[in-house]
Amino acid sequence: MAEQIPFSLIEKLLMTLGSSIYGEIGLMYGVRNELGKLQEKLSMIKAVLVDAEEQQQRSHAVATWVQRLKDVVYDADDLFDDFATEELRRKTDVQGRFAGQ
């Protein structure tokens, strides 16, 4: 049985990376170029996955590769969620300090 490729999750990650919020965060932390490179790589991976989706039916190696890449996509999604949570926590802490003064 072929692995389901999480195209919707990849699309969500691409949209997240392209958002103005992540652009500002990237600029603030000096990683804007790296986020742009990550977005380009994720776009390329998505294109390769379209082909891999068909080939995994015929190749055990491709099916294994798709499973590993799927795991990486889920890990990346978790990382972005953690990053967003931390950024929200920091903003809340800063706003709480200003409100408490």
N, C-alpha and C. Protein backbone atom coordinates (compact mmCIF):
# COMPACT_ATOMS: atom_id res chain seq x y z
N MET A 1 0.85 -1.19 0.00
CA MET A 1 0.00 0.00 0.00
C MET A 1 0.89 1.25 0.00
N ALA A 2 0.55 2.21 -0.81
CA ALA A 2 1.35 3.43 -0.94
C ALA A 2 1.07 4.38 0.21
N GLU A 3 2.13 5.07 0.60
CA GLU A 3 2.02 6.08 1.66
C GLU A 3 1.26 7.29 1.12
N GLN A 4 0.44 7.87 1.95
CA GLN A 4 -0.21 9.12 1.59
C GLN A 4 0.79 10.25 1.77
N ILE A 5 0.99 11.03 0.75
CA ILE A 5 1.90 12.17 0.83
C ILE A 5 1.12 13.36 1.36
N PRO A 6 1.61 14.00 2.41
CA PRO A 6 0.87 15.11 3.05
C PRO A 6 1.01 16.42 2.29
N PHE A 7 0.44 16.46 1.07
CA PHE A 7 0.54 17.67 0.25
C PHE A 7 -0.07 18.89 0.94
N SER A 8 -1.18 18.69 1.63
CA SER A 8 -1.82 19.84 2.30
C SER A 8 -0.92 20.40 3.40
N LEU A 9 -0.20 19.54 4.08
CA LEU A 9 0.72 19.99 5.12
C LEU A 9 1.91 20.73 4.51
N ILE A 10 2.41 20.23 3.38
CA ILE A 10 3.49 20.91 2.68
C ILE A 10 3.02 22.29 2.23
N GLU A 11 1.82 22.36 1.72
CA GLU A 11 1.26 23.64 1.28
C GLU A 11 1.12 24.60 2.46
N LYS A 12 0.70 24.07 3.61
CA LYS A 12 0.59 24.90 4.82
C LYS A 12 1.95 25.46 5.22
N LEU A 13 2.99 24.61 5.18
CA LEU A 13 4.33 25.06 5.52
C LEU A 13 4.82 26.13 4.54
N LEU A 14 4.53 25.95 3.25
CA LEU A 14 4.93 26.94 2.26
C LEU A 14 4.22 28.28 2.52
N MET A 15 2.94 28.21 2.84
CA MET A 15 2.20 29.44 3.12
C MET A 15 2.73 30.11 4.39
N THR A 16 3.07 29.31 5.39
CA THR A 16 3.62 29.84 6.64
C THR A 16 4.93 30.56 6.38
N LEU A 17 5.81 29.91 5.62
CA LEU A 17 7.11 30.51 5.31
C LEU A 17 6.96 31.78 4.50
N GLY A 18 5.95 31.84 3.65
CA GLY A 18 5.73 33.02 2.81
C GLY A 18 4.94 34.13 3.48
N SER A 19 4.47 33.89 4.69
CA SER A 19 3.65 34.89 5.36
C SER A 19 4.49 36.08 5.81
N SER A 20 3.83 37.20 5.95
CA SER A 20 4.53 38.42 6.38
C SER A 20 5.04 38.29 7.81
N ILE A 21 4.33 37.54 8.64
CA ILE A 21 4.76 37.34 10.02
C ILE A 21 6.11 36.64 10.06
N TYR A 22 6.26 35.56 9.28
CA TYR A 22 7.53 34.86 9.26
C TYR A 22 8.61 35.69 8.58
N GLY A 23 8.22 36.57 7.65
CA GLY A 23 9.18 37.49 7.07
C GLY A 23 9.73 38.44 8.12
N GLU A 24 8.84 38.96 8.96
CA GLU A 24 9.27 39.85 10.05
C GLU A 24 10.12 39.12 11.07
N ILE A 25 9.70 37.91 11.43
CA ILE A 25 10.46 37.12 12.39
C ILE A 25 11.84 36.80 11.83
N GLY A 26 11.89 36.44 10.56
CA GLY A 26 13.17 36.15 9.92
C GLY A 26 14.08 37.35 9.91
N LEU A 27 13.50 38.51 9.65
CA LEU A 27 14.28 39.75 9.66
C LEU A 27 14.77 40.07 11.07
N MET A 28 13.88 39.90 12.05
CA MET A 28 14.20 40.21 13.44
C MET A 28 15.33 39.32 13.97
N TYR A 29 15.31 38.04 13.60
CA TYR A 29 16.31 37.10 14.11
C TYR A 29 17.47 36.89 13.14
N GLY A 30 17.48 37.60 12.03
CA GLY A 30 18.57 37.49 11.08
C GLY A 30 18.59 36.19 10.30
N VAL A 31 17.42 35.59 10.10
CA VAL A 31 17.37 34.32 9.38
C VAL A 31 16.44 34.39 8.16
N ARG A 32 16.19 35.61 7.70
CA ARG A 32 15.25 35.78 6.59
C ARG A 32 15.72 35.04 5.34
N ASN A 33 17.01 35.12 5.02
CA ASN A 33 17.52 34.41 3.84
C ASN A 33 17.37 32.90 3.99
N GLU A 34 17.62 32.40 5.18
CA GLU A 34 17.50 30.96 5.42
C GLU A 34 16.05 30.50 5.28
N LEU A 35 15.11 31.33 5.74
CA LEU A 35 13.69 30.98 5.59
C LEU A 35 13.30 30.96 4.11
N GLY A 36 13.86 31.90 3.35
CA GLY A 36 13.60 31.93 1.91
C GLY A 36 14.16 30.69 1.22
N LYS A 37 15.36 30.29 1.61
CA LYS A 37 15.96 29.08 1.03
C LYS A 37 15.14 27.85 1.40
N LEU A 38 14.66 27.81 2.63
CA LEU A 38 13.83 26.69 3.06
C LEU A 38 12.54 26.64 2.24
N GLN A 39 11.96 27.79 1.98
CA GLN A 39 10.74 27.84 1.18
C GLN A 39 11.01 27.32 -0.23
N GLU A 40 12.13 27.70 -0.83
CA GLU A 40 12.48 27.22 -2.17
C GLU A 40 12.67 25.71 -2.16
N LYS A 41 13.38 25.19 -1.17
CA LYS A 41 13.62 23.75 -1.09
C LYS A 41 12.32 22.98 -0.89
N LEU A 42 11.43 23.52 -0.08
CA LEU A 42 10.15 22.86 0.15
C LEU A 42 9.32 22.84 -1.12
N SER A 43 9.39 23.89 -1.92
CA SER A 43 8.69 23.92 -3.21
C SER A 43 9.24 22.85 -4.14
N MET A 44 10.56 22.70 -4.15
CA MET A 44 11.18 21.67 -4.99
C MET A 44 10.78 20.28 -4.51
N ILE A 45 10.77 20.07 -3.20
CA ILE A 45 10.37 18.78 -2.66
C ILE A 45 8.94 18.45 -3.05
N LYS A 46 8.08 19.44 -3.00
CA LYS A 46 6.68 19.21 -3.37
C LYS A 46 6.58 18.75 -4.82
N ALA A 47 7.36 19.38 -5.71
CA ALA A 47 7.35 18.99 -7.12
C ALA A 47 7.85 17.55 -7.30
N VAL A 48 8.90 17.17 -6.59
CA VAL A 48 9.43 15.82 -6.68
C VAL A 48 8.42 14.81 -6.13
N LEU A 49 7.71 15.19 -5.10
CA LEU A 49 6.73 14.29 -4.50
C LEU A 49 5.58 13.96 -5.45
N VAL A 50 5.25 14.87 -6.32
CA VAL A 50 4.19 14.59 -7.29
C VAL A 50 4.59 13.37 -8.13
N ASP A 51 5.85 13.36 -8.58
CA ASP A 51 6.34 12.21 -9.34
C ASP A 51 6.48 10.97 -8.46
N ALA A 52 6.97 11.16 -7.25
CA ALA A 52 7.18 10.02 -6.35
C ALA A 52 5.87 9.34 -5.99
N GLU A 53 4.80 10.10 -5.94
CA GLU A 53 3.51 9.52 -5.59
C GLU A 53 3.13 8.40 -6.55
N GLU A 54 3.41 8.62 -7.84
CA GLU A 54 3.11 7.58 -8.83
C GLU A 54 4.14 6.45 -8.79
N GLN A 55 5.40 6.79 -8.61
CA GLN A 55 6.47 5.79 -8.65
C GLN A 55 6.50 4.88 -7.44
N GLN A 56 5.98 5.31 -6.33
CA GLN A 56 6.05 4.47 -5.12
C GLN A 56 5.23 3.20 -5.27
N GLN A 57 4.29 3.19 -6.20
CA GLN A 57 3.51 1.98 -6.46
C GLN A 57 4.40 0.86 -7.02
N ARG A 58 5.46 1.26 -7.74
CA ARG A 58 6.31 0.30 -8.43
C ARG A 58 7.67 0.08 -7.75
N SER A 59 8.01 0.93 -6.79
CA SER A 59 9.35 0.86 -6.23
C SER A 59 9.31 0.91 -4.70
N HIS A 60 9.84 -0.14 -4.10
CA HIS A 60 9.91 -0.18 -2.64
C HIS A 60 10.84 0.92 -2.12
N ALA A 61 11.92 1.20 -2.85
CA ALA A 61 12.87 2.24 -2.44
C ALA A 61 12.20 3.61 -2.42
N VAL A 62 11.40 3.89 -3.42
CA VAL A 62 10.69 5.18 -3.47
C VAL A 62 9.66 5.25 -2.34
N ALA A 63 8.97 4.15 -2.09
CA ALA A 63 7.98 4.14 -1.00
C ALA A 63 8.66 4.40 0.34
N THR A 64 9.84 3.82 0.55
CA THR A 64 10.59 4.05 1.79
C THR A 64 11.02 5.50 1.88
N TRP A 65 11.51 6.04 0.78
CA TRP A 65 11.93 7.44 0.72
C TRP A 65 10.76 8.36 1.04
N VAL A 66 9.59 8.07 0.47
CA VAL A 66 8.41 8.89 0.71
C VAL A 66 8.04 8.85 2.19
N GLN A 67 8.13 7.67 2.82
CA GLN A 67 7.82 7.57 4.24
C GLN A 67 8.77 8.42 5.07
N ARG A 68 10.05 8.37 4.75
CA ARG A 68 11.03 9.18 5.48
C ARG A 68 10.78 10.67 5.29
N LEU A 69 10.50 11.06 4.07
CA LEU A 69 10.23 12.47 3.79
C LEU A 69 8.95 12.92 4.48
N LYS A 70 7.98 12.05 4.51
CA LYS A 70 6.73 12.34 5.22
C LYS A 70 7.01 12.62 6.70
N ASP A 71 7.87 11.81 7.30
CA ASP A 71 8.24 12.02 8.70
C ASP A 71 8.92 13.38 8.88
N VAL A 72 9.77 13.76 7.94
CA VAL A 72 10.46 15.05 8.00
C VAL A 72 9.46 16.20 7.89
N VAL A 73 8.48 16.06 7.02
CA VAL A 73 7.46 17.10 6.86
C VAL A 73 6.69 17.28 8.16
N TYR A 74 6.33 16.18 8.80
CA TYR A 74 5.62 16.29 10.08
C TYR A 74 6.50 16.90 11.17
N ASP A 75 7.79 16.55 11.16
CA ASP A 75 8.72 17.15 12.12
C ASP A 75 8.85 18.66 11.87
N ALA A 76 8.90 19.05 10.60
CA ALA A 76 8.99 20.48 10.26
C ALA A 76 7.74 21.21 10.72
N ASP A 77 6.59 20.59 10.54
CA ASP A 77 5.34 21.21 11.00
C ASP A 77 5.35 21.39 12.51
N ASP A 78 5.83 20.38 13.23
CA ASP A 78 5.93 20.49 14.69
C ASP A 78 6.89 21.61 15.08
N LEU A 79 8.00 21.72 14.37
CA LEU A 79 8.98 22.77 14.65
C LEU A 79 8.37 24.15 14.44
N PHE A 80 7.63 24.33 13.36
CA PHE A 80 6.98 25.62 13.11
C PHE A 80 5.94 25.93 14.18
N ASP A 81 5.21 24.91 14.60
CA ASP A 81 4.24 25.12 15.68
C ASP A 81 4.94 25.54 16.97
N ASP A 82 6.06 24.87 17.28
CA ASP A 82 6.83 25.24 18.48
C ASP A 82 7.36 26.66 18.38
N PHE A 83 7.84 27.03 17.20
CA PHE A 83 8.38 28.36 16.98
C PHE A 83 7.28 29.42 17.15
N ALA A 84 6.11 29.16 16.58
CA ALA A 84 4.99 30.09 16.70
C ALA A 84 4.53 30.21 18.15
N THR A 85 4.50 29.09 18.86
CA THR A 85 4.10 29.11 20.27
C THR A 85 5.08 29.92 21.10
N GLU A 86 6.37 29.73 20.85
CA GLU A 86 7.39 30.48 21.58
C GLU A 86 7.29 31.98 21.28
N GLU A 87 7.07 32.32 20.03
CA GLU A 87 6.94 33.73 19.67
C GLU A 87 5.71 34.35 20.34
N LEU A 88 4.61 33.63 20.38
CA LEU A 88 3.41 34.11 21.06
C LEU A 88 3.66 34.27 22.56
N ARG A 89 4.38 33.32 23.16
CA ARG A 89 4.70 33.41 24.58
C ARG A 89 5.55 34.66 24.87
N ARG A 90 6.52 34.90 24.01
CA ARG A 90 7.37 36.08 24.20
C ARG A 90 6.58 37.38 24.08
N LYS A 91 5.70 37.43 23.09
CA LYS A 91 4.88 38.63 22.92
C LYS A 91 3.98 38.83 24.12
N THR A 92 3.40 37.74 24.62
CA THR A 92 2.52 37.82 25.79
C THR A 92 3.30 38.29 27.01
N ASP A 93 4.52 37.76 27.19
CA ASP A 93 5.36 38.19 28.32
C ASP A 93 5.67 39.69 28.23
N VAL A 94 6.02 40.15 27.04
CA VAL A 94 6.35 41.57 26.85
C VAL A 94 5.13 42.42 27.11
N GLN A 95 3.97 42.03 26.57
CA GLN A 95 2.76 42.80 26.80
C GLN A 95 2.36 42.79 28.25
N GLY A 96 2.56 41.68 28.94
CA GLY A 96 2.25 41.58 30.37
C GLY A 96 3.14 42.50 31.18
N ARG A 97 4.40 42.61 30.81
CA ARG A 97 5.30 43.51 31.52
C ARG A 97 4.90 44.95 31.33
N PHE A 98 4.49 45.30 30.11
CA PHE A 98 4.06 46.67 29.86
C PHE A 98 2.76 46.99 30.59
N ALA A 99 1.86 46.03 30.63
CA ALA A 99 0.58 46.25 31.30
C ALA A 99 0.76 46.33 32.81
N GLY A 100 1.74 45.60 33.34
CA GLY A 100 1.97 45.57 34.78
C GLY A 100 2.72 46.78 35.31
N GLN A 101 3.31 47.57 34.44
CA GLN A 101 4.09 48.72 34.90
C GLN A 101 3.24 49.91 35.15
